Amino acid sequence: MRILHQDPYIVVIDKPGGMLVHRSFIDRHETRFVMQTLRDQLGQHVYPVHRLDKPTSGCLIFALDPSTASALSLLFQNGEIEKQYHAVVRGYVNSADTIDYPLKEKRDKHEDRRTSEDKPPQPAVTHYQPLEQLLLPIPIGNYPEARYSLLKLRPETGRRHQLRRHMAHISHPIVGDTTHGDGKHNKLFRQELGLKGLLLRATRISFVHPVNEQLVECEAGWDGLWQGVIQLPNWTAV
């Protein structure tokens, strides 16, 4: 695992896309997990305090002891950890805005047996800002060209699949999202461009360290998939 920050209490890593954080009944065939790999790499137990979906890559925090894990969890609950993501979405997004759209808690039949399906929708807020737009001269559906936008996303809340669900809600699904996305555009990136994977990356995370009270700021940069995306021709600034 690529380590972005490490001290006696906390480690922040760059999670690879396509890798589960920990063992799960969802993918019984998986043999590699972030938590176990990092534990073996550091030679000590690690404690997850938040999660990224399996296909999402980027900044992920682990505590190195139970007390720090509890303190970090409280920071997340209080909205005191700032998270930034980048995503490529279908269509042109021309201006910054905020999505304030409550989301019903999604129950995973394998993992969340204790999650109530009767809970009302929970508040969910995402801020987004367009950075660049991409025009590909490739016909798709009824259109002669394919259009995409590179966005910076900042979630205020942390609902399951929030960014993926929110972008789909405003008809700009994230490319590579096989659950909430557009299969035609996923196929175009996979077959025409050779870029396979969810184009959602946790690029930055910052928080005040719960033990030493110092500001911790981590940036993941681009991984191999995103290098291929950013190097595509025809990107133009919004």
C-alpha atoms as a PDB file:
ATOM      1  CA  MET A   1       0.000   0.000   0.000  1.00  0.00           C
ATOM      2  CA  ARG A   2       1.227   3.495  -0.780  1.00  0.00           C
ATOM      3  CA  ILE A   3       1.384   5.399   2.500  1.00  0.00           C
ATOM      4  CA  LEU A   4       0.470   9.097   2.394  1.00  0.00           C
ATOM      5  CA  HIS A   5       0.899   9.778   6.121  1.00  0.00           C
ATOM      6  CA  GLN A   6       2.048   7.751   9.098  1.00  0.00           C
ATOM      7  CA  ASP A   7       2.625   8.560  12.763  1.00  0.00           C
ATOM      8  CA  PRO A   8       2.345   6.498  15.969  1.00  0.00           C
ATOM      9  CA  TYR A   9      -1.455   6.822  15.945  1.00  0.00           C
ATOM     10  CA  ILE A  10      -2.681   7.097  12.349  1.00  0.00           C
ATOM     11  CA  VAL A  11      -1.844   5.905   8.862  1.00  0.00           C
ATOM     12  CA  VAL A  12      -3.385   7.272   5.669  1.00  0.00           C
ATOM     13  CA  ILE A  13      -3.029   5.206   2.515  1.00  0.00           C
ATOM     14  CA  ASP A  14      -3.838   5.448  -1.179  1.00  0.00           C
ATOM     15  CA  LYS A  15      -6.410   2.672  -1.542  1.00  0.00           C
ATOM     16  CA  PRO A  16      -6.287   0.887  -4.917  1.00  0.00           C
ATOM     17  CA  GLY A  17      -9.489   0.788  -6.918  1.00  0.00           C
ATOM     18  CA  GLY A  18     -11.157  -2.626  -7.122  1.00  0.00           C
ATOM     19  CA  MET A  19      -9.984  -3.743  -3.685  1.00  0.00           C
ATOM     20  CA  LEU A  20     -12.268  -4.349  -0.703  1.00  0.00           C
ATOM     21  CA  VAL A  21     -11.322  -2.659   2.567  1.00  0.00           C
ATOM     22  CA  HIS A  22     -11.980  -5.854   4.539  1.00  0.00           C
ATOM     23  CA  ARG A  23     -13.393  -9.329   4.117  1.00  0.00           C
ATOM     24  CA  SER A  24     -17.010  -9.399   3.030  1.00  0.00           C
ATOM     25  CA  PHE A  25     -19.703 -11.852   2.055  1.00  0.00           C
ATOM     26  CA  ILE A  26     -20.286  -9.690  -1.035  1.00  0.00           C
ATOM     27  CA  ASP A  27     -17.192 -11.046  -2.805  1.00  0.00           C
ATOM     28  CA  ARG A  28     -16.426 -14.456  -1.401  1.00  0.00           C
ATOM     29  CA  HIS A  29     -13.846 -15.129  -4.127  1.00  0.00           C
ATOM     30  CA  GLU A  30     -11.626 -12.154  -3.153  1.00  0.00           C
ATOM     31  CA  THR A  31      -8.306 -13.026  -1.557  1.00  0.00           C
ATOM     32  CA  ARG A  32      -6.709  -9.584  -1.135  1.00  0.00           C
ATOM     33  CA  PHE A  33      -8.062  -6.935   1.209  1.00  0.00           C
ATOM     34  CA  VAL A  34      -6.762  -3.506   2.157  1.00  0.00           C
ATOM     35  CA  MET A  35      -6.977  -4.070   5.906  1.00  0.00           C
ATOM     36  CA  GLN A  36      -5.089  -7.373   5.928  1.00  0.00           C
ATOM     37  CA  THR A  37      -2.514  -6.182   3.386  1.00  0.00           C
ATOM     38  CA  LEU A  38      -1.786  -3.035   5.379  1.00  0.00           C
ATOM     39  CA  ARG A  39      -1.607  -5.000   8.639  1.00  0.00           C
ATOM     40  CA  ASP A  40       1.004  -7.315   7.136  1.00  0.00           C
ATOM     41  CA  GLN A  41       2.901  -4.378   5.635  1.00  0.00           C
ATOM     42  CA  LEU A  42       3.108  -2.498   8.951  1.00  0.00           C
ATOM     43  CA  GLY A  43       3.412  -5.551  11.157  1.00  0.00           C
ATOM     44  CA  GLN A  44       0.631  -4.417  13.471  1.00  0.00           C
ATOM     45  CA  HIS A  45      -3.137  -4.282  13.735  1.00  0.00           C
ATOM     46  CA  VAL A  46      -4.974  -1.449  11.997  1.00  0.00           C
ATOM     47  CA  TYR A  47      -8.455  -0.119  12.757  1.00  0.00           C
ATOM     48  CA  PRO A  48     -10.725   1.170   9.960  1.00  0.00           C
ATOM     49  CA  VAL A  49     -12.571   4.400  10.773  1.00  0.00           C
ATOM     50  CA  HIS A  50     -14.330   4.983   7.453  1.00  0.00           C
ATOM     51  CA  ARG A  51     -14.699   3.178   4.153  1.00  0.00           C
ATOM     52  CA  LEU A  52     -14.418   3.573   0.423  1.00  0.00           C
ATOM     53  CA  ASP A  53     -16.458   1.435  -1.932  1.00  0.00           C
ATOM     54  CA  LYS A  54     -14.575  -1.416  -3.564  1.00  0.00           C
ATOM     55  CA  PRO A  55     -14.195   0.367  -6.947  1.00  0.00           C
ATOM     56  CA  THR A  56     -13.282   3.760  -5.423  1.00  0.00           C
ATOM     57  CA  SER A  57      -9.615   4.632  -4.987  1.00  0.00           C
ATOM     58  CA  GLY A  58      -7.739   7.201  -2.952  1.00  0.00           C
ATOM     59  CA  CYS A  59      -7.259   8.544   0.570  1.00  0.00           C
ATOM     60  CA  LEU A  60      -8.267   6.131   3.320  1.00  0.00           C
ATOM     61  CA  ILE A  61      -7.556   6.546   7.054  1.00  0.00           C
ATOM     62  CA  PHE A  62      -6.752   3.799   9.555  1.00  0.00           C
ATOM     63  CA  ALA A  63      -6.082   4.176  13.271  1.00  0.00           C
ATOM     64  CA  LEU A  64      -3.301   2.226  14.920  1.00  0.00           C
ATOM     65  CA  ASP A  65      -5.028   1.767  18.281  1.00  0.00           C
ATOM     66  CA  PRO A  66      -8.638   1.535  19.526  1.00  0.00           C
ATOM     67  CA  SER A  67      -8.585   4.897  21.347  1.00  0.00           C
ATOM     68  CA  THR A  68      -7.496   6.811  18.245  1.00  0.00           C
ATOM     69  CA  ALA A  69     -10.045   4.882  16.186  1.00  0.00           C
ATOM     70  CA  SER A  70     -12.818   6.123  18.489  1.00  0.00           C
ATOM     71  CA  ALA A  71     -11.541   9.695  18.306  1.00  0.00           C
ATOM     72  CA  LEU A  72     -11.353   9.633  14.507  1.00  0.00           C
ATOM     73  CA  SER A  73     -14.832   8.118  14.264  1.00  0.00           C
ATOM     74  CA  LEU A  74     -16.124  11.034  16.329  1.00  0.00           C
ATOM     75  CA  LEU A  75     -14.454  13.501  13.950  1.00  0.00           C
ATOM     76  CA  PHE A  76     -16.238  11.837  11.038  1.00  0.00           C
ATOM     77  CA  GLN A  77     -19.565  11.909  12.875  1.00  0.00           C
ATOM     78  CA  ASN A  78     -19.150  15.622  13.610  1.00  0.00           C
ATOM     79  CA  GLY A  79     -18.196  16.484  10.029  1.00  0.00           C
ATOM     80  CA  GLU A  80     -14.719  17.607  11.088  1.00  0.00           C
ATOM     81  CA  ILE A  81     -12.853  15.655   8.417  1.00  0.00           C
ATOM     82  CA  GLU A  82     -12.772  17.347   5.029  1.00  0.00           C
ATOM     83  CA  LYS A  83     -12.889  15.013   2.042  1.00  0.00           C
ATOM     84  CA  GLN A  84     -12.343  15.891  -1.597  1.00  0.00           C
ATOM     85  CA  TYR A  85     -12.958  13.659  -4.599  1.00  0.00           C
ATOM     86  CA  HIS A  86     -12.552  13.894  -8.346  1.00  0.00           C
ATOM     87  CA  ALA A  87     -14.928  12.219 -10.774  1.00  0.00           C
ATOM     88  CA  VAL A  88     -15.591  12.002 -14.491  1.00  0.00           C
ATOM     89  CA  VAL A  89     -19.298  12.164 -15.272  1.00  0.00           C
ATOM     90  CA  ARG A  90     -21.491  11.854 -18.330  1.00  0.00           C
ATOM     91  CA  GLY A  91     -22.379  15.118 -20.051  1.00  0.00           C
ATOM     92  CA  TYR A  92     -21.280  18.716 -19.661  1.00  0.00           C
ATOM     93  CA  VAL A  93     -21.567  20.302 -16.210  1.00  0.00           C
ATOM     94  CA  ASN A  94     -21.221  24.054 -16.679  1.00  0.00           C
ATOM     95  CA  SER A  95     -21.383  25.518 -13.184  1.00  0.00           C
ATOM     96  CA  ALA A  96     -20.793  24.698  -9.540  1.00  0.00           C
ATOM     97  CA  ASP A  97     -23.745  23.777  -7.359  1.00  0.00           C
ATOM     98  CA  THR A  98     -24.866  21.822  -4.315  1.00  0.00           C
ATOM     99  CA  ILE A  99     -26.963  18.679  -4.235  1.00  0.00           C
ATOM    100  CA  ASP A 100     -29.121  18.593  -1.120  1.00  0.00           C
ATOM    101  CA  TYR A 101     -31.027  15.369  -1.636  1.00  0.00           C
ATOM    102  CA  PRO A 102     -31.779  12.964   1.232  1.00  0.00           C
ATOM    103  CA  LEU A 103     -30.901   9.335   0.601  1.00  0.00           C
ATOM    104  CA  LYS A 104     -32.657   6.281   1.932  1.00  0.00           C
ATOM    105  CA  GLU A 105     -30.236   3.962   3.670  1.00  0.00           C
ATOM    106  CA  LYS A 106     -29.369   1.079   1.395  1.00  0.00           C
ATOM    107  CA  ARG A 107     -29.409  -2.322   3.035  1.00  0.00           C
ATOM    108  CA  ASP A 108     -26.900  -4.864   1.864  1.00  0.00           C
ATOM    109  CA  LYS A 109     -28.432  -8.283   2.396  1.00  0.00           C
ATOM    110  CA  HIS A 110     -25.039  -9.824   3.144  1.00  0.00           C
ATOM    111  CA  GLU A 111     -23.427  -7.161   5.346  1.00  0.00           C
ATOM    112  CA  ASP A 112     -26.125  -5.127   6.986  1.00  0.00           C
ATOM    113  CA  ARG A 113     -28.587  -7.515   8.567  1.00  0.00           C
ATOM    114  CA  ARG A 114     -29.145  -5.021  11.371  1.00  0.00           C
ATOM    115  CA  THR A 115     -29.890  -2.089   9.064  1.00  0.00           C
ATOM    116  CA  SER A 116     -33.558  -1.108   9.101  1.00  0.00           C
ATOM    117  CA  GLU A 117     -35.265  -0.775   5.738  1.00  0.00           C
ATOM    118  CA  ASP A 118     -37.928   1.427   7.363  1.00  0.00           C
ATOM    119  CA  LYS A 119     -35.647   4.351   8.252  1.00  0.00           C
ATOM    120  CA  PRO A 120     -36.644   7.598   6.547  1.00  0.00           C
ATOM    121  CA  PRO A 121     -34.253   9.155   4.022  1.00  0.00           C
ATOM    122  CA  GLN A 122     -31.207  10.656   5.720  1.00  0.00           C
ATOM    123  CA  PRO A 123     -29.832  14.152   4.949  1.00  0.00           C
ATOM    124  CA  ALA A 124     -27.157  14.056   2.239  1.00  0.00           C
ATOM    125  CA  VAL A 125     -25.295  17.065   0.838  1.00  0.00           C
ATOM    126  CA  THR A 126     -22.676  17.152  -1.919  1.00  0.00           C
ATOM    127  CA  HIS A 127     -20.947  20.216  -3.370  1.00  0.00           C
ATOM    128  CA  TYR A 128     -19.586  19.927  -6.898  1.00  0.00           C
ATOM    129  CA  GLN A 129     -17.452  22.091  -9.151  1.00  0.00           C
ATOM    130  CA  PRO A 130     -16.697  21.489 -12.851  1.00  0.00           C
ATOM    131  CA  LEU A 131     -13.021  21.724 -13.779  1.00  0.00           C
ATOM    132  CA  GLU A 132     -12.742  20.532 -17.377  1.00  0.00           C
ATOM    133  CA  GLN A 133     -14.837  19.101 -20.183  1.00  0.00           C
ATOM    134  CA  LEU A 134     -14.018  16.363 -22.674  1.00  0.00           C
ATOM    135  CA  LEU A 135     -15.437  15.936 -26.178  1.00  0.00           C
ATOM    136  CA  LEU A 136     -14.797  12.571 -27.816  1.00  0.00           C
ATOM    137  CA  PRO A 137     -15.563  12.181 -31.536  1.00  0.00           C
ATOM    138  CA  ILE A 138     -17.142   8.794 -30.886  1.00  0.00           C
ATOM    139  CA  PRO A 139     -20.848   8.210 -31.654  1.00  0.00           C
ATOM    140  CA  ILE A 140     -22.875   6.985 -28.698  1.00  0.00           C
ATOM    141  CA  GLY A 141     -26.591   6.259 -28.652  1.00  0.00           C
ATOM    142  CA  ASN A 142     -28.336   8.882 -30.788  1.00  0.00           C
ATOM    143  CA  TYR A 143     -25.478  11.361 -30.473  1.00  0.00           C
ATOM    144  CA  PRO A 144     -22.541  11.831 -32.879  1.00  0.00           C
ATOM    145  CA  GLU A 145     -20.151  12.676 -30.041  1.00  0.00           C
ATOM    146  CA  ALA A 146     -19.614  11.783 -26.406  1.00  0.00           C
ATOM    147  CA  ARG A 147     -19.346  14.506 -23.756  1.00  0.00           C
ATOM    148  CA  TYR A 148     -17.908  14.304 -20.243  1.00  0.00           C
ATOM    149  CA  SER A 149     -16.947  16.549 -17.347  1.00  0.00           C
ATOM    150  CA  LEU A 150     -14.200  16.351 -14.748  1.00  0.00           C
ATOM    151  CA  LEU A 151     -15.607  17.417 -11.389  1.00  0.00           C
ATOM    152  CA  LYS A 152     -14.296  18.184  -7.940  1.00  0.00           C
ATOM    153  CA  LEU A 153     -16.708  16.819  -5.330  1.00  0.00           C
ATOM    154  CA  ARG A 154     -16.931  17.650  -1.637  1.00  0.00           C
ATOM    155  CA  PRO A 155     -19.443  15.640   0.405  1.00  0.00           C
ATOM    156  CA  GLU A 156     -20.699  17.141   3.664  1.00  0.00           C
ATOM    157  CA  THR A 157     -22.260  13.853   4.694  1.00  0.00           C
ATOM    158  CA  GLY A 158     -21.162  10.254   4.272  1.00  0.00           C
ATOM    159  CA  ARG A 159     -24.114   8.179   3.120  1.00  0.00           C
ATOM    160  CA  ARG A 160     -23.472   4.898   1.355  1.00  0.00           C
ATOM    161  CA  HIS A 161     -22.704   5.470  -2.335  1.00  0.00           C
ATOM    162  CA  GLN A 162     -23.606   9.130  -1.774  1.00  0.00           C
ATOM    163  CA  LEU A 163     -21.503  10.616  -4.570  1.00  0.00           C
ATOM    164  CA  ARG A 164     -22.511   7.939  -7.051  1.00  0.00           C
ATOM    165  CA  ARG A 165     -26.208   8.267  -6.184  1.00  0.00           C
ATOM    166  CA  HIS A 166     -26.169  12.060  -6.114  1.00  0.00           C
ATOM    167  CA  MET A 167     -24.508  12.395  -9.512  1.00  0.00           C
ATOM    168  CA  ALA A 168     -26.965   9.907 -11.001  1.00  0.00           C
ATOM    169  CA  HIS A 169     -29.787  11.919  -9.402  1.00  0.00           C
ATOM    170  CA  ILE A 170     -28.835  15.017 -11.447  1.00  0.00           C
ATOM    171  CA  SER A 171     -28.418  12.903 -14.622  1.00  0.00           C
ATOM    172  CA  HIS A 172     -24.611  13.091 -14.634  1.00  0.00           C
ATOM    173  CA  PRO A 173     -23.680   9.554 -13.540  1.00  0.00           C
ATOM    174  CA  ILE A 174     -20.042   8.764 -12.824  1.00  0.00           C
ATOM    175  CA  VAL A 175     -18.282   6.897 -15.621  1.00  0.00           C
ATOM    176  CA  GLY A 176     -17.510   3.297 -14.695  1.00  0.00           C
ATOM    177  CA  ASP A 177     -20.335   3.038 -12.152  1.00  0.00           C
ATOM    178  CA  THR A 178     -21.946  -0.319 -12.881  1.00  0.00           C
ATOM    179  CA  THR A 179     -24.701   0.186 -10.289  1.00  0.00           C
ATOM    180  CA  HIS A 180     -25.876   3.776 -10.747  1.00  0.00           C
ATOM    181  CA  GLY A 181     -24.190   4.654 -14.048  1.00  0.00           C
ATOM    182  CA  ASP A 182     -24.761   4.469 -17.805  1.00  0.00           C
ATOM    183  CA  GLY A 183     -23.690   1.179 -19.372  1.00  0.00           C
ATOM    184  CA  LYS A 184     -23.138   2.681 -22.827  1.00  0.00           C
ATOM    185  CA  HIS A 185     -20.595   5.185 -21.547  1.00  0.00           C
ATOM    186  CA  ASN A 186     -18.930   2.629 -19.307  1.00  0.00           C
ATOM    187  CA  LYS A 187     -18.513   0.407 -22.362  1.00  0.00           C
ATOM    188  CA  LEU A 188     -17.110   3.281 -24.433  1.00  0.00           C
ATOM    189  CA  PHE A 189     -14.375   3.995 -21.895  1.00  0.00           C
ATOM    190  CA  ARG A 190     -13.631   0.310 -21.481  1.00  0.00           C
ATOM    191  CA  GLN A 191     -13.613  -0.783 -25.129  1.00  0.00           C
ATOM    192  CA  GLU A 192     -12.730   2.372 -27.071  1.00  0.00           C
ATOM    193  CA  LEU A 193     -10.274   3.952 -24.628  1.00  0.00           C
ATOM    194  CA  GLY A 194      -9.021   0.932 -22.690  1.00  0.00           C
ATOM    195  CA  LEU A 195      -9.915   2.604 -19.377  1.00  0.00           C
ATOM    196  CA  LYS A 196     -11.681   0.213 -17.036  1.00  0.00           C
ATOM    197  CA  GLY A 197     -12.825   1.153 -13.560  1.00  0.00           C
ATOM    198  CA  LEU A 198     -14.898   3.634 -11.591  1.00  0.00           C
ATOM    199  CA  LEU A 199     -13.740   7.179 -12.274  1.00  0.00           C
ATOM    200  CA  LEU A 200     -14.182   8.327  -8.689  1.00  0.00           C
ATOM    201  CA  ARG A 201     -11.087   9.031  -6.610  1.00  0.00           C
ATOM    202  CA  ALA A 202     -10.652  10.384  -3.081  1.00  0.00           C
ATOM    203  CA  THR A 203      -7.887  12.830  -3.924  1.00  0.00           C
ATOM    204  CA  ARG A 204      -7.536  14.761  -0.664  1.00  0.00           C
ATOM    205  CA  ILE A 205      -8.379  14.453   3.019  1.00  0.00           C
ATOM    206  CA  SER A 206      -7.611  16.834   5.876  1.00  0.00           C
ATOM    207  CA  PHE A 207      -8.320  16.903   9.601  1.00  0.00           C
ATOM    208  CA  VAL A 208      -6.944  18.011  12.936  1.00  0.00           C
ATOM    209  CA  HIS A 209      -5.065  15.123  14.505  1.00  0.00           C
ATOM    210  CA  PRO A 210      -7.072  13.894  17.509  1.00  0.00           C
ATOM    211  CA  VAL A 211      -3.939  13.267  19.602  1.00  0.00           C
ATOM    212  CA  ASN A 212      -1.343  15.931  18.790  1.00  0.00           C
ATOM    213  CA  GLU A 213      -3.843  18.490  17.397  1.00  0.00           C
ATOM    214  CA  GLN A 214      -1.703  19.110  14.315  1.00  0.00           C
ATOM    215  CA  LEU A 215      -3.310  19.606  10.896  1.00  0.00           C
ATOM    216  CA  VAL A 216      -2.988  16.506   8.725  1.00  0.00           C
ATOM    217  CA  GLU A 217      -3.402  17.058   4.979  1.00  0.00           C
ATOM    218  CA  CYS A 218      -2.989  14.222   2.482  1.00  0.00           C
ATOM    219  CA  GLU A 219      -3.245  14.259  -1.300  1.00  0.00           C
ATOM    220  CA  ALA A 220      -3.354  11.059  -3.334  1.00  0.00           C
ATOM    221  CA  GLY A 221      -2.636  12.466  -6.783  1.00  0.00           C
ATOM    222  CA  TRP A 222      -3.465  10.337  -9.825  1.00  0.00           C
ATOM    223  CA  ASP A 223      -3.092   6.566 -10.065  1.00  0.00           C
ATOM    224  CA  GLY A 224      -2.552   4.618 -13.288  1.00  0.00           C
ATOM    225  CA  LEU A 225      -6.201   4.674 -14.373  1.00  0.00           C
ATOM    226  CA  TRP A 226      -6.468   8.402 -13.793  1.00  0.00           C
ATOM    227  CA  GLN A 227      -3.197   9.094 -15.571  1.00  0.00           C
ATOM    228  CA  GLY A 228      -4.800   7.546 -18.643  1.00  0.00           C
ATOM    229  CA  VAL A 229      -7.902   9.682 -18.202  1.00  0.00           C
ATOM    230  CA  ILE A 230      -6.081  12.981 -17.674  1.00  0.00           C
ATOM    231  CA  GLN A 231      -3.824  12.341 -20.678  1.00  0.00           C
ATOM    232  CA  LEU A 232      -6.758  11.992 -23.063  1.00  0.00           C
ATOM    233  CA  PRO A 233      -6.722  14.727 -25.726  1.00  0.00           C
ATOM    234  CA  ASN A 234      -9.480  17.337 -26.059  1.00  0.00           C
ATOM    235  CA  TRP A 235      -9.839  18.290 -22.377  1.00  0.00           C
ATOM    236  CA  THR A 236     -10.781  21.978 -22.095  1.00  0.00           C
ATOM    237  CA  ALA A 237     -11.176  24.139 -18.985  1.00  0.00           C
ATOM    238  CA  VAL A 238     -14.714  25.138 -18.008  1.00  0.00           C
END
